[in-house]
Amino acid sequence: MTIQPRGSQLALIVINDSDTVWQDTITVQRYSFAGEVLYEQTYSIDVPTRQNYQLLLDDGFHAYKKDAELIRAKASTDDGTADAWWFFDIDKRLDYPVSEYQLDVTVAEEGYTLNVTAQTFLRDVVVYADKLEPIAEVSEQLITLLPQESFTFTVRAARVPTVDELRANRVILCANDVIHDNSLVTSKMQ
């Protein structure tokens, strides 16, 4: 799924690249960065195999505070990794909150799991596990979380770090951090 502009409106584009019909319920919500639902609509979809479906979103999805609102489309059968997100401007002009989150590390068969629970909105969370161990591999990247949402990353690694090590080495970063910490911006990006 993706959300794209179509003239003066936004459209939800549902892409079914599978060999089965995609029948689902999609919830589209406009949020404040504080996690408050400002507007919501639910749509039933029935997308044939190898087809796309376009749905124009109504005026309730226009932002009133473009620097502090977003839209998320979520399929009822999805695990959250394929959510469609829309932001009303580019990152450097958005009023992201300072990132705050809870971390929990659990030993796993080939490394560890890292559960991140957002206390504030977190845009594009990245786990730089290779900062602690060059051969470490992370299951997912660029995960966006609303306040109180969680995501568990699986990290293949030879050793399991503590939460303090992860924080001290800035292993977890997101777009919020780049906006609020100039040391993360290279001179070429400024």
Protein backbone atom coordinates (compact mmCIF):
# COMPACT_ATOMS: atom_id res chain seq x y z
CA MET A 1 0.00 0.00 0.00
CA THR A 2 1.01 3.58 -0.55
CA ILE A 3 -0.60 6.98 -0.19
CA GLN A 4 0.01 9.37 -3.07
CA PRO A 5 -1.27 12.79 -4.20
CA ARG A 6 -3.88 12.86 -6.97
CA GLY A 7 -4.52 16.48 -7.86
CA SER A 8 -5.78 18.23 -4.73
CA GLN A 9 -6.64 14.93 -3.01
CA LEU A 10 -4.74 12.02 -1.57
CA ALA A 11 -5.28 8.47 -2.78
CA LEU A 12 -4.69 5.14 -1.13
CA ILE A 13 -3.17 2.75 -3.67
CA VAL A 14 -3.46 -0.94 -2.79
CA ILE A 15 -1.10 -3.14 -4.77
CA ASN A 16 -1.80 -6.85 -4.92
CA ASP A 17 1.25 -8.54 -6.44
CA SER A 18 0.20 -12.00 -5.25
CA ASP A 19 -1.56 -14.93 -6.90
CA THR A 20 -4.57 -14.64 -4.57
CA VAL A 21 -7.35 -12.08 -4.30
CA TRP A 22 -6.75 -9.57 -1.51
CA GLN A 23 -9.94 -9.09 0.46
CA ASP A 24 -9.41 -7.00 3.54
CA THR A 25 -10.49 -4.07 5.66
CA ILE A 26 -8.23 -1.04 5.56
CA THR A 27 -8.39 1.57 8.32
CA VAL A 28 -7.08 5.00 7.33
CA GLN A 29 -6.45 7.46 10.15
CA ARG A 30 -5.15 11.02 10.40
CA TYR A 31 -3.10 11.46 13.59
CA SER A 32 -1.38 14.22 15.48
CA PHE A 33 2.25 13.46 16.34
CA ALA A 34 1.00 13.04 19.93
CA GLY A 35 -0.87 9.93 18.73
CA GLU A 36 -4.37 11.41 18.83
CA VAL A 37 -6.72 10.15 16.09
CA LEU A 38 -8.07 13.26 14.35
CA TYR A 39 -10.08 11.53 11.60
CA GLU A 40 -10.76 7.93 10.60
CA GLN A 41 -12.42 5.95 7.82
CA THR A 42 -12.58 2.19 7.21
CA TYR A 43 -12.75 0.72 3.73
CA SER A 44 -13.39 -2.80 2.45
CA ILE A 45 -11.21 -3.82 -0.44
CA ASP A 46 -11.37 -6.65 -2.94
CA VAL A 47 -8.31 -6.48 -5.16
CA PRO A 48 -7.93 -9.13 -7.89
CA THR A 49 -4.62 -10.96 -8.34
CA ARG A 50 -1.82 -8.90 -9.85
CA GLN A 51 -3.97 -5.76 -9.84
CA ASN A 52 -3.95 -2.33 -8.19
CA TYR A 53 -6.83 -0.53 -6.54
CA GLN A 54 -7.03 3.25 -6.05
CA LEU A 55 -9.25 4.90 -3.47
CA LEU A 56 -9.51 8.70 -3.24
CA LEU A 57 -9.47 9.86 0.38
CA ASP A 58 -12.06 12.42 1.43
CA ASP A 59 -11.48 15.94 2.76
CA GLY A 60 -11.21 14.75 6.37
CA PHE A 61 -7.69 13.66 5.51
CA HIS A 62 -6.49 17.21 4.78
CA ALA A 63 -4.10 18.37 7.51
CA TYR A 64 -4.89 21.38 9.65
CA LYS A 65 -1.38 21.43 11.13
CA LYS A 66 0.84 20.10 8.34
CA ASP A 67 4.02 20.11 10.42
CA ALA A 68 2.54 17.89 13.17
CA GLU A 69 0.10 15.47 11.50
CA LEU A 70 0.31 12.26 9.50
CA ILE A 71 -1.90 9.66 7.84
CA ARG A 72 -1.56 5.90 8.30
CA ALA A 73 -3.37 3.17 6.38
CA LYS A 74 -3.39 -0.23 8.05
CA ALA A 75 -4.71 -3.51 6.71
CA SER A 76 -6.48 -5.70 9.27
CA THR A 77 -4.44 -8.75 8.21
CA ASP A 78 -1.05 -7.00 8.27
CA ASP A 79 1.62 -7.22 10.98
CA GLY A 80 2.40 -3.49 10.71
CA THR A 81 5.43 -3.71 8.46
CA ALA A 82 3.42 -2.83 5.34
CA ASP A 83 1.49 0.12 6.72
CA ALA A 84 1.23 3.08 4.35
CA TRP A 85 2.27 6.43 5.82
CA TRP A 86 1.79 9.98 4.52
CA PHE A 87 3.53 13.05 5.86
CA PHE A 88 2.48 16.51 4.75
CA ASP A 89 5.99 17.88 4.32
CA ILE A 90 9.65 16.83 4.30
CA ASP A 91 11.33 15.71 7.54
CA LYS A 92 13.30 18.87 8.23
CA ARG A 93 10.10 20.93 8.23
CA LEU A 94 8.12 18.59 10.49
CA ASP A 95 7.77 19.19 14.21
CA TYR A 96 8.81 15.73 15.40
CA PRO A 97 8.93 15.27 19.16
CA VAL A 98 12.22 14.34 20.84
CA SER A 99 12.42 10.54 20.64
CA GLU A 100 11.51 8.70 23.82
CA TYR A 101 11.18 4.93 24.02
CA GLN A 102 11.49 1.88 26.24
CA LEU A 103 13.90 -0.91 25.27
CA ASP A 104 13.76 -4.56 26.27
CA VAL A 105 16.42 -7.08 25.23
CA THR A 106 15.75 -10.82 25.31
CA VAL A 107 18.17 -13.62 24.48
CA ALA A 108 17.15 -15.48 21.32
CA GLU A 109 18.45 -18.59 19.53
CA GLU A 110 20.91 -16.80 17.22
CA GLY A 111 21.27 -13.51 19.04
CA TYR A 112 18.58 -11.41 20.67
CA THR A 113 15.27 -9.68 20.22
CA LEU A 114 14.96 -5.97 20.82
CA ASN A 115 11.52 -4.66 21.69
CA VAL A 116 11.08 -0.91 21.19
CA THR A 117 8.01 0.70 22.78
CA ALA A 118 7.45 4.30 21.73
CA GLN A 119 6.66 6.89 24.38
CA THR A 120 6.59 9.55 21.63
CA PHE A 121 6.00 9.30 17.90
CA LEU A 122 9.08 7.68 16.26
CA ARG A 123 9.64 8.04 12.51
CA ASP A 124 11.74 5.38 10.74
CA VAL A 125 13.40 3.57 13.65
CA VAL A 126 16.72 2.01 12.63
CA VAL A 127 18.77 -0.46 14.69
CA TYR A 128 22.50 -0.07 14.03
CA ALA A 129 23.44 -3.36 15.68
CA ASP A 130 26.69 -3.42 13.70
CA LYS A 131 27.96 -0.53 15.84
CA LEU A 132 28.46 -3.12 18.60
CA GLU A 133 29.24 -6.12 16.45
CA PRO A 134 30.19 -5.68 12.76
CA ILE A 135 28.59 -8.97 11.64
CA ALA A 136 25.24 -8.35 13.39
CA GLU A 137 22.12 -8.46 11.18
CA VAL A 138 18.73 -6.91 11.93
CA SER A 139 15.40 -8.35 10.71
CA GLU A 140 13.68 -5.07 9.84
CA GLN A 141 14.53 -1.39 9.56
CA LEU A 142 12.67 1.90 9.09
CA ILE A 143 9.79 1.05 11.43
CA THR A 144 7.49 3.94 12.35
CA LEU A 145 5.69 3.82 15.70
CA LEU A 146 2.96 5.93 17.23
CA PRO A 147 3.06 6.55 21.00
CA GLN A 148 2.53 3.33 23.01
CA GLU A 149 3.08 1.08 19.97
CA SER A 150 5.81 -1.56 20.03
CA PHE A 151 7.87 -3.45 17.52
CA THR A 152 10.25 -6.35 18.12
CA PHE A 153 13.42 -6.50 16.03
CA THR A 154 15.32 -9.77 15.74
CA VAL A 155 19.10 -9.36 15.76
CA ARG A 156 21.47 -12.10 14.67
CA ALA A 157 24.61 -11.62 16.73
CA ALA A 158 27.22 -13.55 18.72
CA ARG A 159 26.61 -11.61 21.92
CA VAL A 160 23.69 -9.94 23.65
CA PRO A 161 24.17 -6.28 24.65
CA THR A 162 22.57 -4.58 27.61
CA VAL A 163 20.04 -1.80 27.25
CA ASP A 164 22.68 0.59 28.63
CA GLU A 165 25.14 -0.45 25.87
CA LEU A 166 22.49 0.09 23.20
CA ARG A 167 21.70 3.58 24.50
CA ALA A 168 25.34 4.61 25.11
CA ASN A 169 26.34 3.63 21.56
CA ARG A 170 23.21 5.15 19.97
CA VAL A 171 22.32 1.86 18.34
CA ILE A 172 18.67 2.91 17.99
CA LEU A 173 18.06 6.07 15.96
CA CYS A 174 15.12 7.55 14.09
CA ALA A 175 14.32 10.60 11.97
CA ASN A 176 13.36 12.49 15.14
CA ASP A 177 16.98 12.21 16.32
CA VAL A 178 18.34 13.68 13.09
CA ILE A 179 15.98 16.66 13.42
CA HIS A 180 16.89 17.30 17.08
CA ASP A 181 20.61 16.45 17.10
CA ASN A 182 22.84 18.37 14.68
CA SER A 183 25.77 16.03 15.40
CA LEU A 184 23.96 13.38 13.33
CA VAL A 185 23.80 15.62 10.24
CA THR A 186 26.85 15.65 7.99
CA SER A 187 28.00 18.85 6.35
CA LYS A 188 26.79 17.57 2.97
CA MET A 189 23.23 17.22 4.31
CA GLN A 190 23.03 20.70 5.87
